[in-house]
Amino acid sequence: MNDYTITTNYQSVEGYIDPGVAMGIGFGMGMFGGFFFLICSLVLILILVSLWKIFIKAKKPGWAALVPIYNIVVMLEIVGMPTWYIFLMFIPLVNLVIGLMILVNLTKAFGKSTGFVLGMIFLPLIFYPILAFDKSEYIKIKN
């Protein structure tokens, strides 16, 4: 019977990367994360301010834009859709259809065209503020 011995040469973690380089990588990742957080925060603030203004133009309380789920109920009231549609927003894929219907009716309620709906879908960071801050008037619609 043969005795085989296997020897390995393991290096410590310190041997793979210089601690100064590791600190630099960590700093870089932290800076990227901070920058990403800042951009996301600015986008969130822009959308919330736009929704607040849209609600005020539709004679609804602006603070409702800040309350999750309730803001969708208020949006359903603005566009003249039944408020029980909020329950449909919890069903996957159905919520996409309801959301699209809300966008179409929202643009109609402010006298905008179908092209504006496409803008709200594909470029919301531009078209939500346009809808919020332009001179368009709210027209109550019934479905």
C-alpha atoms as a PDB file:
ATOM      1  CA  MET A   1       0.000   0.000   0.000  1.00  0.00           C
ATOM      2  CA  ASN A   2       1.435   3.357  -1.034  1.00  0.00           C
ATOM      3  CA  ASP A   3       1.249   6.437   1.091  1.00  0.00           C
ATOM      4  CA  TYR A   4       0.579   9.473  -0.983  1.00  0.00           C
ATOM      5  CA  THR A   5       1.052  12.875   0.493  1.00  0.00           C
ATOM      6  CA  ILE A   6      -0.340  15.904  -1.210  1.00  0.00           C
ATOM      7  CA  THR A   7       1.200  19.174  -0.363  1.00  0.00           C
ATOM      8  CA  THR A   8      -0.367  22.430  -1.294  1.00  0.00           C
ATOM      9  CA  ASN A   9       0.901  25.926  -1.127  1.00  0.00           C
ATOM     10  CA  TYR A  10      -1.972  28.144   0.006  1.00  0.00           C
ATOM     11  CA  GLN A  11      -1.479  31.850   0.054  1.00  0.00           C
ATOM     12  CA  SER A  12      -3.224  34.012   2.555  1.00  0.00           C
ATOM     13  CA  VAL A  13      -5.832  36.532   1.489  1.00  0.00           C
ATOM     14  CA  GLU A  14      -3.307  39.245   2.127  1.00  0.00           C
ATOM     15  CA  GLY A  15      -1.124  37.785  -0.574  1.00  0.00           C
ATOM     16  CA  TYR A  16      -3.739  38.249  -3.275  1.00  0.00           C
ATOM     17  CA  ILE A  17      -4.450  41.945  -2.955  1.00  0.00           C
ATOM     18  CA  ASP A  18      -2.694  44.868  -1.410  1.00  0.00           C
ATOM     19  CA  PRO A  19      -4.686  46.396   1.482  1.00  0.00           C
ATOM     20  CA  GLY A  20      -4.251  49.865  -0.025  1.00  0.00           C
ATOM     21  CA  VAL A  21      -5.776  48.663  -3.296  1.00  0.00           C
ATOM     22  CA  ALA A  22      -8.641  47.057  -1.383  1.00  0.00           C
ATOM     23  CA  MET A  23      -9.321  50.348   0.374  1.00  0.00           C
ATOM     24  CA  GLY A  24      -9.266  52.142  -2.977  1.00  0.00           C
ATOM     25  CA  ILE A  25     -11.715  49.671  -4.479  1.00  0.00           C
ATOM     26  CA  GLY A  26     -13.993  50.016  -1.447  1.00  0.00           C
ATOM     27  CA  PHE A  27     -13.825  53.805  -1.688  1.00  0.00           C
ATOM     28  CA  GLY A  28     -14.637  53.690  -5.400  1.00  0.00           C
ATOM     29  CA  MET A  29     -17.597  51.391  -4.846  1.00  0.00           C
ATOM     30  CA  GLY A  30     -18.830  53.638  -2.044  1.00  0.00           C
ATOM     31  CA  MET A  31     -18.576  56.701  -4.264  1.00  0.00           C
ATOM     32  CA  PHE A  32     -20.473  54.924  -7.057  1.00  0.00           C
ATOM     33  CA  GLY A  33     -23.154  53.803  -4.592  1.00  0.00           C
ATOM     34  CA  GLY A  34     -23.456  57.319  -3.182  1.00  0.00           C
ATOM     35  CA  PHE A  35     -23.736  58.817  -6.671  1.00  0.00           C
ATOM     36  CA  PHE A  36     -26.358  56.220  -7.631  1.00  0.00           C
ATOM     37  CA  PHE A  37     -28.320  56.968  -4.442  1.00  0.00           C
ATOM     38  CA  LEU A  38     -28.187  60.701  -5.188  1.00  0.00           C
ATOM     39  CA  ILE A  39     -29.482  60.248  -8.746  1.00  0.00           C
ATOM     40  CA  CYS A  40     -32.285  57.929  -7.597  1.00  0.00           C
ATOM     41  CA  SER A  41     -33.267  60.398  -4.861  1.00  0.00           C
ATOM     42  CA  LEU A  42     -33.421  63.282  -7.348  1.00  0.00           C
ATOM     43  CA  VAL A  43     -35.572  61.232  -9.750  1.00  0.00           C
ATOM     44  CA  LEU A  44     -37.922  60.280  -6.903  1.00  0.00           C
ATOM     45  CA  ILE A  45     -38.243  63.900  -5.802  1.00  0.00           C
ATOM     46  CA  LEU A  46     -38.942  65.035  -9.390  1.00  0.00           C
ATOM     47  CA  ILE A  47     -41.709  62.450  -9.847  1.00  0.00           C
ATOM     48  CA  LEU A  48     -43.263  63.178  -6.430  1.00  0.00           C
ATOM     49  CA  VAL A  49     -43.295  66.934  -7.037  1.00  0.00           C
ATOM     50  CA  SER A  50     -44.828  66.337 -10.480  1.00  0.00           C
ATOM     51  CA  LEU A  51     -47.536  64.076  -9.077  1.00  0.00           C
ATOM     52  CA  TRP A  52     -48.229  66.616  -6.306  1.00  0.00           C
ATOM     53  CA  LYS A  53     -48.767  69.349  -8.917  1.00  0.00           C
ATOM     54  CA  ILE A  54     -50.930  67.071 -11.086  1.00  0.00           C
ATOM     55  CA  PHE A  55     -53.134  66.280  -8.074  1.00  0.00           C
ATOM     56  CA  ILE A  56     -53.466  69.971  -7.225  1.00  0.00           C
ATOM     57  CA  LYS A  57     -54.397  70.805 -10.852  1.00  0.00           C
ATOM     58  CA  ALA A  58     -57.119  68.148 -10.587  1.00  0.00           C
ATOM     59  CA  LYS A  59     -58.472  69.735  -7.368  1.00  0.00           C
ATOM     60  CA  LYS A  60     -57.224  66.880  -5.171  1.00  0.00           C
ATOM     61  CA  PRO A  61     -54.951  67.201  -2.130  1.00  0.00           C
ATOM     62  CA  GLY A  62     -51.297  67.280  -3.145  1.00  0.00           C
ATOM     63  CA  TRP A  63     -50.147  65.295  -0.110  1.00  0.00           C
ATOM     64  CA  ALA A  64     -52.045  62.294  -1.510  1.00  0.00           C
ATOM     65  CA  ALA A  65     -49.184  61.821  -3.977  1.00  0.00           C
ATOM     66  CA  LEU A  66     -46.949  60.858  -1.048  1.00  0.00           C
ATOM     67  CA  VAL A  67     -49.154  58.096   0.370  1.00  0.00           C
ATOM     68  CA  PRO A  68     -48.630  54.684  -1.236  1.00  0.00           C
ATOM     69  CA  ILE A  69     -51.753  52.942  -2.603  1.00  0.00           C
ATOM     70  CA  TYR A  70     -53.916  55.946  -1.687  1.00  0.00           C
ATOM     71  CA  ASN A  71     -52.227  57.918  -4.469  1.00  0.00           C
ATOM     72  CA  ILE A  72     -53.473  55.309  -6.947  1.00  0.00           C
ATOM     73  CA  VAL A  73     -57.007  55.587  -5.515  1.00  0.00           C
ATOM     74  CA  VAL A  74     -56.860  59.368  -5.989  1.00  0.00           C
ATOM     75  CA  MET A  75     -55.472  58.902  -9.501  1.00  0.00           C
ATOM     76  CA  LEU A  76     -58.407  56.589 -10.296  1.00  0.00           C
ATOM     77  CA  GLU A  77     -60.780  59.317  -9.075  1.00  0.00           C
ATOM     78  CA  ILE A  78     -59.003  61.909 -11.228  1.00  0.00           C
ATOM     79  CA  VAL A  79     -59.309  59.829 -14.382  1.00  0.00           C
ATOM     80  CA  GLY A  80     -62.916  58.829 -13.682  1.00  0.00           C
ATOM     81  CA  MET A  81     -62.307  55.102 -13.262  1.00  0.00           C
ATOM     82  CA  PRO A  82     -63.930  53.021 -10.499  1.00  0.00           C
ATOM     83  CA  THR A  83     -61.892  53.012  -7.304  1.00  0.00           C
ATOM     84  CA  TRP A  84     -62.278  49.253  -6.897  1.00  0.00           C
ATOM     85  CA  TYR A  85     -59.743  48.947  -9.744  1.00  0.00           C
ATOM     86  CA  ILE A  86     -57.143  49.391  -6.995  1.00  0.00           C
ATOM     87  CA  PHE A  87     -57.593  45.674  -6.249  1.00  0.00           C
ATOM     88  CA  LEU A  88     -56.733  44.854  -9.863  1.00  0.00           C
ATOM     89  CA  MET A  89     -53.423  46.657  -9.383  1.00  0.00           C
ATOM     90  CA  PHE A  90     -52.286  43.773  -7.164  1.00  0.00           C
ATOM     91  CA  ILE A  91     -52.693  41.170  -9.929  1.00  0.00           C
ATOM     92  CA  PRO A  92     -49.552  40.688 -12.049  1.00  0.00           C
ATOM     93  CA  LEU A  93     -49.904  41.703 -15.725  1.00  0.00           C
ATOM     94  CA  VAL A  94     -53.426  43.025 -15.077  1.00  0.00           C
ATOM     95  CA  ASN A  95     -51.793  45.924 -13.220  1.00  0.00           C
ATOM     96  CA  LEU A  96     -49.897  46.825 -16.397  1.00  0.00           C
ATOM     97  CA  VAL A  97     -53.140  47.079 -18.346  1.00  0.00           C
ATOM     98  CA  ILE A  98     -54.836  49.126 -15.599  1.00  0.00           C
ATOM     99  CA  GLY A  99     -51.770  51.380 -15.345  1.00  0.00           C
ATOM    100  CA  LEU A 100     -51.874  51.979 -19.101  1.00  0.00           C
ATOM    101  CA  MET A 101     -55.592  52.761 -18.910  1.00  0.00           C
ATOM    102  CA  ILE A 102     -54.888  55.250 -16.105  1.00  0.00           C
ATOM    103  CA  LEU A 103     -52.197  56.960 -18.194  1.00  0.00           C
ATOM    104  CA  VAL A 104     -54.442  57.195 -21.263  1.00  0.00           C
ATOM    105  CA  ASN A 105     -57.301  58.664 -19.222  1.00  0.00           C
ATOM    106  CA  LEU A 106     -54.956  60.994 -17.334  1.00  0.00           C
ATOM    107  CA  THR A 107     -53.712  62.524 -20.558  1.00  0.00           C
ATOM    108  CA  LYS A 108     -57.295  62.828 -21.805  1.00  0.00           C
ATOM    109  CA  ALA A 109     -58.269  64.550 -18.551  1.00  0.00           C
ATOM    110  CA  PHE A 110     -55.688  67.251 -19.263  1.00  0.00           C
ATOM    111  CA  GLY A 111     -56.501  67.551 -22.981  1.00  0.00           C
ATOM    112  CA  LYS A 112     -53.379  65.817 -24.289  1.00  0.00           C
ATOM    113  CA  SER A 113     -53.030  63.568 -27.341  1.00  0.00           C
ATOM    114  CA  THR A 114     -52.074  59.919 -27.807  1.00  0.00           C
ATOM    115  CA  GLY A 115     -48.502  60.959 -28.543  1.00  0.00           C
ATOM    116  CA  PHE A 116     -48.327  62.404 -25.053  1.00  0.00           C
ATOM    117  CA  VAL A 117     -49.322  58.982 -23.666  1.00  0.00           C
ATOM    118  CA  LEU A 118     -46.338  57.444 -25.468  1.00  0.00           C
ATOM    119  CA  GLY A 119     -44.131  60.131 -23.994  1.00  0.00           C
ATOM    120  CA  MET A 120     -45.447  59.396 -20.498  1.00  0.00           C
ATOM    121  CA  ILE A 121     -44.663  55.698 -21.008  1.00  0.00           C
ATOM    122  CA  PHE A 122     -41.197  55.967 -22.558  1.00  0.00           C
ATOM    123  CA  LEU A 123     -39.911  59.291 -21.143  1.00  0.00           C
ATOM    124  CA  PRO A 124     -41.698  59.775 -17.823  1.00  0.00           C
ATOM    125  CA  LEU A 125     -38.959  61.987 -16.372  1.00  0.00           C
ATOM    126  CA  ILE A 126     -39.715  64.545 -19.062  1.00  0.00           C
ATOM    127  CA  PHE A 127     -43.469  64.182 -19.611  1.00  0.00           C
ATOM    128  CA  TYR A 128     -44.698  64.017 -15.992  1.00  0.00           C
ATOM    129  CA  PRO A 129     -43.140  67.432 -15.221  1.00  0.00           C
ATOM    130  CA  ILE A 130     -44.504  68.787 -18.509  1.00  0.00           C
ATOM    131  CA  LEU A 131     -48.008  67.665 -17.528  1.00  0.00           C
ATOM    132  CA  ALA A 132     -47.542  69.063 -14.028  1.00  0.00           C
ATOM    133  CA  PHE A 133     -46.155  72.481 -14.911  1.00  0.00           C
ATOM    134  CA  ASP A 134     -47.753  73.380 -18.242  1.00  0.00           C
ATOM    135  CA  LYS A 135     -50.893  75.499 -18.626  1.00  0.00           C
ATOM    136  CA  SER A 136     -53.251  72.586 -19.336  1.00  0.00           C
ATOM    137  CA  GLU A 137     -56.527  72.534 -17.419  1.00  0.00           C
ATOM    138  CA  TYR A 138     -58.157  69.531 -15.787  1.00  0.00           C
ATOM    139  CA  ILE A 139     -61.311  68.350 -17.543  1.00  0.00           C
ATOM    140  CA  LYS A 140     -63.352  65.882 -15.471  1.00  0.00           C
ATOM    141  CA  ILE A 141     -64.101  62.847 -17.638  1.00  0.00           C
ATOM    142  CA  LYS A 142     -66.626  60.072 -17.115  1.00  0.00           C
ATOM    143  CA  ASN A 143     -65.994  56.545 -18.387  1.00  0.00           C
END
